[in-house]
PDB file of all heavy atoms in Angstrom:
ATOM      1  N   MET A   1       0.850  -1.221  -0.005  1.00  0.00           N
ATOM      2  CA  MET A   1       0.015  -0.009   0.000  1.00  0.00           C
ATOM      3  C   MET A   1       0.869   1.230   0.015  1.00  0.00           C
ATOM      4  O   MET A   1       0.548   2.230  -0.701  1.00  0.00           O
ATOM      5  CB  MET A   1      -0.967  -0.004   1.197  1.00  0.00           C
ATOM      6  CG  MET A   1      -2.117  -1.024   1.051  1.00  0.00           C
ATOM      7  SD  MET A   1      -3.333  -0.886   2.340  1.00  0.00           S
ATOM      8  CE  MET A   1      -2.463  -1.509   3.747  1.00  0.00           C
ATOM      9  N   GLU A   2       1.943   1.241   0.770  1.00  0.00           N
ATOM     10  CA  GLU A   2       2.871   2.402   0.805  1.00  0.00           C
ATOM     11  C   GLU A   2       3.496   2.621  -0.547  1.00  0.00           C
ATOM     12  O   GLU A   2       3.811   3.791  -0.887  1.00  0.00           O
ATOM     13  CB  GLU A   2       3.917   2.181   1.873  1.00  0.00           C
ATOM     14  CG  GLU A   2       3.397   2.276   3.337  1.00  0.00           C
ATOM     15  CD  GLU A   2       4.396   1.897   4.368  1.00  0.00           C
ATOM     16  OE1 GLU A   2       5.456   1.366   4.015  1.00  0.00           O
ATOM     17  OE2 GLU A   2       4.076   2.090   5.554  1.00  0.00           O
ATOM     18  N   ALA A   3       3.667   1.551  -1.324  1.00  0.00           N
ATOM     19  CA  ALA A   3       4.270   1.693  -2.644  1.00  0.00           C
ATOM     20  C   ALA A   3       3.242   2.009  -3.679  1.00  0.00           C
ATOM     21  O   ALA A   3       3.568   2.137  -4.887  1.00  0.00           O
ATOM     22  CB  ALA A   3       5.001   0.399  -3.022  1.00  0.00           C
ATOM     23  N   GLY A   4       1.969   2.109  -3.290  1.00  0.00           N
ATOM     24  CA  GLY A   4       0.876   2.367  -4.233  1.00  0.00           C
ATOM     25  C   GLY A   4       0.391   1.189  -5.029  1.00  0.00           C
ATOM     26  O   GLY A   4      -0.294   1.324  -6.033  1.00  0.00           O
ATOM     27  N   ASP A   5       0.733  -0.011  -4.546  1.00  0.00           N
ATOM     28  CA  ASP A   5       0.339  -1.202  -5.234  1.00  0.00           C
ATOM     29  C   ASP A   5      -0.937  -1.810  -4.562  1.00  0.00           C
ATOM     30  O   ASP A   5      -1.268  -1.449  -3.417  1.00  0.00           O
ATOM     31  CB  ASP A   5       1.458  -2.262  -5.156  1.00  0.00           C
ATOM     32  CG  ASP A   5       2.634  -1.822  -5.940  1.00  0.00           C
ATOM     33  OD1 ASP A   5       2.502  -1.146  -6.969  1.00  0.00           O
ATOM     34  OD2 ASP A   5       3.778  -2.237  -5.519  1.00  0.00           O
ATOM     35  N   ASP A   6      -1.562  -2.735  -5.267  1.00  0.00           N
ATOM     36  CA  ASP A   6      -2.721  -3.432  -4.681  1.00  0.00           C
ATOM     37  C   ASP A   6      -2.220  -4.393  -3.576  1.00  0.00           C
ATOM     38  O   ASP A   6      -1.093  -4.846  -3.652  1.00  0.00           O
ATOM     39  CB  ASP A   6      -3.442  -4.269  -5.749  1.00  0.00           C
ATOM     40  CG  ASP A   6      -4.139  -3.408  -6.767  1.00  0.00           C
ATOM     41  OD1 ASP A   6      -4.496  -2.273  -6.413  1.00  0.00           O
ATOM     42  OD2 ASP A   6      -4.385  -3.869  -7.901  1.00  0.00           O
ATOM     43  N   THR A   7      -3.083  -4.663  -2.650  1.00  0.00           N
ATOM     44  CA  THR A   7      -2.751  -5.609  -1.593  1.00  0.00           C
ATOM     45  C   THR A   7      -2.795  -7.042  -2.136  1.00  0.00           C
ATOM     46  O   THR A   7      -3.400  -7.292  -3.156  1.00  0.00           O
ATOM     47  CB  THR A   7      -3.702  -5.469  -0.396  1.00  0.00           C
ATOM     48  OG1 THR A   7      -5.022  -5.681  -0.847  1.00  0.00           O
ATOM     49  CG2 THR A   7      -3.557  -4.113   0.253  1.00  0.00           C
ATOM     50  N   VAL A   8      -2.110  -7.925  -1.420  1.00  0.00           N
ATOM     51  CA  VAL A   8      -2.120  -9.339  -1.801  1.00  0.00           C
ATOM     52  C   VAL A   8      -3.412  -9.963  -1.335  1.00  0.00           C
ATOM     53  O   VAL A   8      -3.884  -9.715  -0.189  1.00  0.00           O
ATOM     54  CB  VAL A   8      -0.861 -10.087  -1.101  1.00  0.00           C
ATOM     55  CG1 VAL A   8      -0.949 -11.540  -1.435  1.00  0.00           C
ATOM     56  CG2 VAL A   8       0.394  -9.428  -1.600  1.00  0.00           C
ATOM     57  N   ASP A   9      -3.984 -10.798  -2.171  1.00  0.00           N
ATOM     58  CA  ASP A   9      -5.222 -11.533  -1.854  1.00  0.00           C
ATOM     59  C   ASP A   9      -4.782 -12.805  -1.134  1.00  0.00           C
ATOM     60  O   ASP A   9      -4.720 -13.899  -1.727  1.00  0.00           O
ATOM     61  CB  ASP A   9      -5.954 -11.807  -3.134  1.00  0.00           C
ATOM     62  CG  ASP A   9      -7.370 -12.429  -2.891  1.00  0.00           C
ATOM     63  OD1 ASP A   9      -7.840 -12.403  -1.726  1.00  0.00           O
ATOM     64  OD2 ASP A   9      -7.947 -12.910  -3.872  1.00  0.00           O
ATOM     65  N   HIS A  10      -4.474 -12.696   0.161  1.00  0.00           N
ATOM     66  CA  HIS A  10      -3.895 -13.783   0.931  1.00  0.00           C
ATOM     67  C   HIS A  10      -4.891 -14.938   1.142  1.00  0.00           C
ATOM     68  O   HIS A  10      -6.113 -14.740   1.178  1.00  0.00           O
ATOM     69  CB  HIS A  10      -3.464 -13.323   2.312  1.00  0.00           C
ATOM     70  CG  HIS A  10      -2.270 -12.435   2.308  1.00  0.00           C
ATOM     71  ND1 HIS A  10      -1.007 -12.820   1.954  1.00  0.00           N
ATOM     72  CD2 HIS A  10      -2.185 -11.098   2.582  1.00  0.00           C
ATOM     73  CE1 HIS A  10      -0.150 -11.841   2.076  1.00  0.00           C
ATOM     74  NE2 HIS A  10      -0.850 -10.769   2.388  1.00  0.00           N
ATOM     75  N   LEU A  11      -4.352 -16.124   1.351  1.00  0.00           N
ATOM     76  CA  LEU A  11      -5.143 -17.229   1.822  1.00  0.00           C
ATOM     77  C   LEU A  11      -5.432 -16.991   3.286  1.00  0.00           C
ATOM     78  O   LEU A  11      -4.589 -16.449   4.028  1.00  0.00           O
ATOM     79  CB  LEU A  11      -4.381 -18.567   1.657  1.00  0.00           C
ATOM     80  CG  LEU A  11      -4.466 -19.296   0.384  1.00  0.00           C
ATOM     81  CD1 LEU A  11      -3.867 -18.538  -0.807  1.00  0.00           C
ATOM     82  CD2 LEU A  11      -3.861 -20.659   0.489  1.00  0.00           C
ATOM     83  N   PRO A  12      -6.609 -17.376   3.761  1.00  0.00           N
ATOM     84  CA  PRO A  12      -6.845 -17.322   5.192  1.00  0.00           C
ATOM     85  C   PRO A  12      -5.818 -18.124   5.961  1.00  0.00           C
ATOM     86  O   PRO A  12      -5.432 -19.177   5.572  1.00  0.00           O
ATOM     87  CB  PRO A  12      -8.265 -17.901   5.394  1.00  0.00           C
ATOM     88  CG  PRO A  12      -8.853 -17.820   4.022  1.00  0.00           C
ATOM     89  CD  PRO A  12      -7.802 -17.908   3.025  1.00  0.00           C
ATOM     90  N   VAL A  13      -5.400 -17.575   7.110  1.00  0.00           N
ATOM     91  CA  VAL A  13      -4.407 -18.232   7.953  1.00  0.00           C
ATOM     92  C   VAL A  13      -5.116 -19.025   9.032  1.00  0.00           C
ATOM     93  O   VAL A  13      -4.604 -20.089   9.431  1.00  0.00           O
ATOM     94  CB  VAL A  13      -3.457 -17.145   8.602  1.00  0.00           C
ATOM     95  CG1 VAL A  13      -2.498 -17.747   9.611  1.00  0.00           C
ATOM     96  CG2 VAL A  13      -2.727 -16.399   7.484  1.00  0.00           C
ATOM     97  N   VAL A  14      -6.247 -18.512   9.515  1.00  0.00           N
ATOM     98  CA  VAL A  14      -6.896 -19.168  10.653  1.00  0.00           C
ATOM     99  C   VAL A  14      -8.403 -19.039  10.511  1.00  0.00           C
ATOM    100  O   VAL A  14      -8.901 -18.033  10.000  1.00  0.00           O
ATOM    101  CB  VAL A  14      -6.399 -18.581  11.991  1.00  0.00           C
ATOM    102  CG1 VAL A  14      -6.784 -17.129  12.133  1.00  0.00           C
ATOM    103  CG2 VAL A  14      -6.894 -19.377  13.169  1.00  0.00           C
ATOM    104  N   LYS A  15      -9.127 -20.084  10.907  1.00  0.00           N
ATOM    105  CA  LYS A  15     -10.590 -20.059  11.035  1.00  0.00           C
ATOM    106  C   LYS A  15     -10.987 -20.130  12.480  1.00  0.00           C
ATOM    107  O   LYS A  15     -10.553 -21.014  13.167  1.00  0.00           O
ATOM    108  CB  LYS A  15     -11.195 -21.253  10.234  1.00  0.00           C
ATOM    109  CG  LYS A  15     -12.692 -21.306  10.377  1.00  0.00           C
ATOM    110  CD  LYS A  15     -13.230 -22.571   9.700  1.00  0.00           C
ATOM    111  CE  LYS A  15     -14.752 -22.684   9.885  1.00  0.00           C
ATOM    112  NZ  LYS A  15     -15.295 -23.926   9.317  1.00  0.00           N
ATOM    113  N   LEU A  16     -11.745 -19.118  12.902  1.00  0.00           N
ATOM    114  CA  LEU A  16     -12.282 -19.099  14.229  1.00  0.00           C
ATOM    115  C   LEU A  16     -13.822 -19.221  14.132  1.00  0.00           C
ATOM    116  O   LEU A  16     -14.412 -18.799  13.183  1.00  0.00           O
ATOM    117  CB  LEU A  16     -11.912 -17.769  14.920  1.00  0.00           C
ATOM    118  CG  LEU A  16     -10.422 -17.422  14.968  1.00  0.00           C
ATOM    119  CD1 LEU A  16     -10.232 -16.048  15.587  1.00  0.00           C
ATOM    120  CD2 LEU A  16      -9.619 -18.485  15.703  1.00  0.00           C
ATOM    121  N   PHE A  17     -14.415 -19.761  15.200  1.00  0.00           N
ATOM    122  CA  PHE A  17     -15.868 -19.860  15.206  1.00  0.00           C
ATOM    123  C   PHE A  17     -16.374 -19.822  16.669  1.00  0.00           C
ATOM    124  O   PHE A  17     -15.685 -20.179  17.616  1.00  0.00           O
ATOM    125  CB  PHE A  17     -16.304 -21.146  14.528  1.00  0.00           C
ATOM    126  CG  PHE A  17     -15.875 -22.417  15.199  1.00  0.00           C
ATOM    127  CD1 PHE A  17     -16.735 -23.125  16.074  1.00  0.00           C
ATOM    128  CD2 PHE A  17     -14.616 -22.928  14.980  1.00  0.00           C
ATOM    129  CE1 PHE A  17     -16.288 -24.255  16.740  1.00  0.00           C
ATOM    130  CE2 PHE A  17     -14.201 -24.092  15.619  1.00  0.00           C
ATOM    131  CZ  PHE A  17     -15.058 -24.767  16.479  1.00  0.00           C
ATOM    132  N   ALA A  18     -17.646 -19.381  16.805  1.00  0.00           N
ATOM    133  CA  ALA A  18     -18.294 -19.352  18.088  1.00  0.00           C
ATOM    134  C   ALA A  18     -19.247 -20.541  18.082  1.00  0.00           C
ATOM    135  O   ALA A  18     -20.273 -20.475  17.370  1.00  0.00           O
ATOM    136  CB  ALA A  18     -19.055 -18.038  18.277  1.00  0.00           C
ATOM    137  N   PRO A  19     -18.938 -21.559  18.809  1.00  0.00           N
ATOM    138  CA  PRO A  19     -19.753 -22.813  18.686  1.00  0.00           C
ATOM    139  C   PRO A  19     -21.217 -22.705  19.116  1.00  0.00           C
ATOM    140  O   PRO A  19     -22.075 -23.435  18.647  1.00  0.00           O
ATOM    141  CB  PRO A  19     -19.018 -23.795  19.643  1.00  0.00           C
ATOM    142  CG  PRO A  19     -18.137 -22.977  20.499  1.00  0.00           C
ATOM    143  CD  PRO A  19     -17.898 -21.717  19.781  1.00  0.00           C
ATOM    144  N   ASP A  20     -21.558 -21.677  19.902  1.00  0.00           N
ATOM    145  CA  ASP A  20     -22.941 -21.494  20.325  1.00  0.00           C
ATOM    146  C   ASP A  20     -23.497 -20.129  19.899  1.00  0.00           C
ATOM    147  O   ASP A  20     -24.478 -19.685  20.443  1.00  0.00           O
ATOM    148  CB  ASP A  20     -23.031 -21.641  21.859  1.00  0.00           C
ATOM    149  CG  ASP A  20     -22.214 -20.720  22.647  1.00  0.00           C
ATOM    150  OD1 ASP A  20     -21.296 -20.061  22.036  1.00  0.00           O
ATOM    151  OD2 ASP A  20     -22.384 -20.560  23.838  1.00  0.00           O
ATOM    152  N   ALA A  21     -22.893 -19.594  18.839  1.00  0.00           N
ATOM    153  CA  ALA A  21     -23.417 -18.269  18.336  1.00  0.00           C
ATOM    154  C   ALA A  21     -23.524 -18.212  16.811  1.00  0.00           C
ATOM    155  O   ALA A  21     -24.047 -17.252  16.268  1.00  0.00           O
ATOM    156  CB  ALA A  21     -22.507 -17.142  18.829  1.00  0.00           C
ATOM    157  N   GLY A  22     -23.032 -19.215  16.114  1.00  0.00           N
ATOM    158  CA  GLY A  22     -23.159 -19.238  14.656  1.00  0.00           C
ATOM    159  C   GLY A  22     -22.227 -18.254  13.947  1.00  0.00           C
ATOM    160  O   GLY A  22     -22.441 -18.000  12.756  1.00  0.00           O
ATOM    161  N   ALA A  23     -21.246 -17.749  14.605  1.00  0.00           N
ATOM    162  CA  ALA A  23     -20.339 -16.755  13.978  1.00  0.00           C
ATOM    163  C   ALA A  23     -19.036 -17.470  13.578  1.00  0.00           C
ATOM    164  O   ALA A  23     -18.575 -18.412  14.217  1.00  0.00           O
ATOM    165  CB  ALA A  23     -20.028 -15.651  14.961  1.00  0.00           C
ATOM    166  N   THR A  24     -18.431 -16.962  12.480  1.00  0.00           N
ATOM    167  CA  THR A  24     -17.263 -17.573  11.943  1.00  0.00           C
ATOM    168  C   THR A  24     -16.352 -16.409  11.418  1.00  0.00           C
ATOM    169  O   THR A  24     -16.877 -15.432  10.825  1.00  0.00           O
ATOM    170  CB  THR A  24     -17.525 -18.528  10.791  1.00  0.00           C
ATOM    171  OG1 THR A  24     -18.448 -19.516  11.213  1.00  0.00           O
ATOM    172  CG2 THR A  24     -16.264 -19.200  10.254  1.00  0.00           C
ATOM    173  N   TRP A  25     -15.013 -16.575  11.535  1.00  0.00           N
ATOM    174  CA  TRP A  25     -14.086 -15.609  11.049  1.00  0.00           C
ATOM    175  C   TRP A  25     -12.993 -16.341  10.310  1.00  0.00           C
ATOM    176  O   TRP A  25     -12.431 -17.298  10.820  1.00  0.00           O
ATOM    177  CB  TRP A  25     -13.472 -14.798  12.150  1.00  0.00           C
ATOM    178  CG  TRP A  25     -14.438 -13.982  12.929  1.00  0.00           C
ATOM    179  CD1 TRP A  25     -14.800 -12.666  12.713  1.00  0.00           C
ATOM    180  CD2 TRP A  25     -15.224 -14.431  14.060  1.00  0.00           C
ATOM    181  NE1 TRP A  25     -15.727 -12.276  13.676  1.00  0.00           N
ATOM    182  CE2 TRP A  25     -15.989 -13.320  14.482  1.00  0.00           C
ATOM    183  CE3 TRP A  25     -15.309 -15.642  14.719  1.00  0.00           C
ATOM    184  CZ2 TRP A  25     -16.834 -13.434  15.558  1.00  0.00           C
ATOM    185  CZ3 TRP A  25     -16.153 -15.711  15.821  1.00  0.00           C
ATOM    186  CH2 TRP A  25     -16.919 -14.631  16.236  1.00  0.00           C
ATOM    187  N   LEU A  26     -12.638 -15.921   9.130  1.00  0.00           N
ATOM    188  CA  LEU A  26     -11.446 -16.406   8.396  1.00  0.00           C
ATOM    189  C   LEU A  26     -10.511 -15.225   8.318  1.00  0.00           C
ATOM    190  O   LEU A  26     -10.813 -14.226   7.634  1.00  0.00           O
ATOM    191  CB  LEU A  26     -11.792 -16.865   6.968  1.00  0.00           C
ATOM    192  CG  LEU A  26     -12.735 -18.041   6.819  1.00  0.00           C
ATOM    193  CD1 LEU A  26     -12.985 -18.354   5.353  1.00  0.00           C
ATOM    194  CD2 LEU A  26     -12.120 -19.282   7.490  1.00  0.00           C
ATOM    195  N   LEU A  27      -9.397 -15.282   9.009  1.00  0.00           N
ATOM    196  CA  LEU A  27      -8.488 -14.150   9.117  1.00  0.00           C
ATOM    197  C   LEU A  27      -7.275 -14.339   8.280  1.00  0.00           C
ATOM    198  O   LEU A  27      -6.674 -15.433   8.217  1.00  0.00           O
ATOM    199  CB  LEU A  27      -8.094 -13.932  10.568  1.00  0.00           C
ATOM    200  CG  LEU A  27      -9.258 -13.716  11.519  1.00  0.00           C
ATOM    201  CD1 LEU A  27      -8.809 -13.563  12.943  1.00  0.00           C
ATOM    202  CD2 LEU A  27     -10.152 -12.567  11.102  1.00  0.00           C
ATOM    203  N   THR A  28      -6.844 -13.249   7.621  1.00  0.00           N
ATOM    204  CA  THR A  28      -5.696 -13.300   6.709  1.00  0.00           C
ATOM    205  C   THR A  28      -4.493 -12.547   7.209  1.00  0.00           C
ATOM    206  O   THR A  28      -3.356 -12.897   6.894  1.00  0.00           O
ATOM    207  CB  THR A  28      -6.073 -12.724   5.306  1.00  0.00           C
ATOM    208  OG1 THR A  28      -6.488 -11.381   5.480  1.00  0.00           O
ATOM    209  CG2 THR A  28      -7.118 -13.525   4.643  1.00  0.00           C
ATOM    210  N   ASP A  29      -4.746 -11.450   7.968  1.00  0.00           N
ATOM    211  CA  ASP A  29      -3.554 -10.646   8.340  1.00  0.00           C
ATOM    212  C   ASP A  29      -3.906  -9.777   9.530  1.00  0.00           C
ATOM    213  O   ASP A  29      -5.080  -9.600   9.944  1.00  0.00           O
ATOM    214  CB  ASP A  29      -3.020  -9.798   7.211  1.00  0.00           C
ATOM    215  CG  ASP A  29      -4.068  -8.881   6.552  1.00  0.00           C
ATOM    216  OD1 ASP A  29      -4.246  -7.800   7.001  1.00  0.00           O
ATOM    217  OD2 ASP A  29      -4.703  -9.319   5.580  1.00  0.00           O
ATOM    218  N   ILE A  30      -2.848  -9.241  10.164  1.00  0.00           N
ATOM    219  CA  ILE A  30      -2.937  -8.323  11.277  1.00  0.00           C
ATOM    220  C   ILE A  30      -2.178  -7.057  10.891  1.00  0.00           C
ATOM    221  O   ILE A  30      -1.062  -7.135  10.404  1.00  0.00           O
ATOM    222  CB  ILE A  30      -2.336  -8.907  12.568  1.00  0.00           C
ATOM    223  CG1 ILE A  30      -3.249 -10.040  13.104  1.00  0.00           C
ATOM    224  CG2 ILE A  30      -2.122  -7.834  13.650  1.00  0.00           C
ATOM    225  CD1 ILE A  30      -2.728 -10.725  14.330  1.00  0.00           C
ATOM    226  N   ASP A  31      -2.804  -5.946  11.152  1.00  0.00           N
ATOM    227  CA  ASP A  31      -2.139  -4.654  10.862  1.00  0.00           C
ATOM    228  C   ASP A  31      -0.913  -4.509  11.765  1.00  0.00           C
ATOM    229  O   ASP A  31      -1.072  -4.520  13.022  1.00  0.00           O
ATOM    230  CB  ASP A  31      -3.169  -3.534  11.146  1.00  0.00           C
ATOM    231  CG  ASP A  31      -2.631  -2.137  10.773  1.00  0.00           C
ATOM    232  OD1 ASP A  31      -1.411  -1.921  10.829  1.00  0.00           O
ATOM    233  OD2 ASP A  31      -3.445  -1.288  10.381  1.00  0.00           O
TER     234      ASP A  31
END
């Protein structure tokens, strides 16, 4: 981004889920 380029379309690194709430997250990066 600092170089003015597009970001990388990363593969998800981790899948998180709330077993009793129906929520899911696929995370790719941390700022």
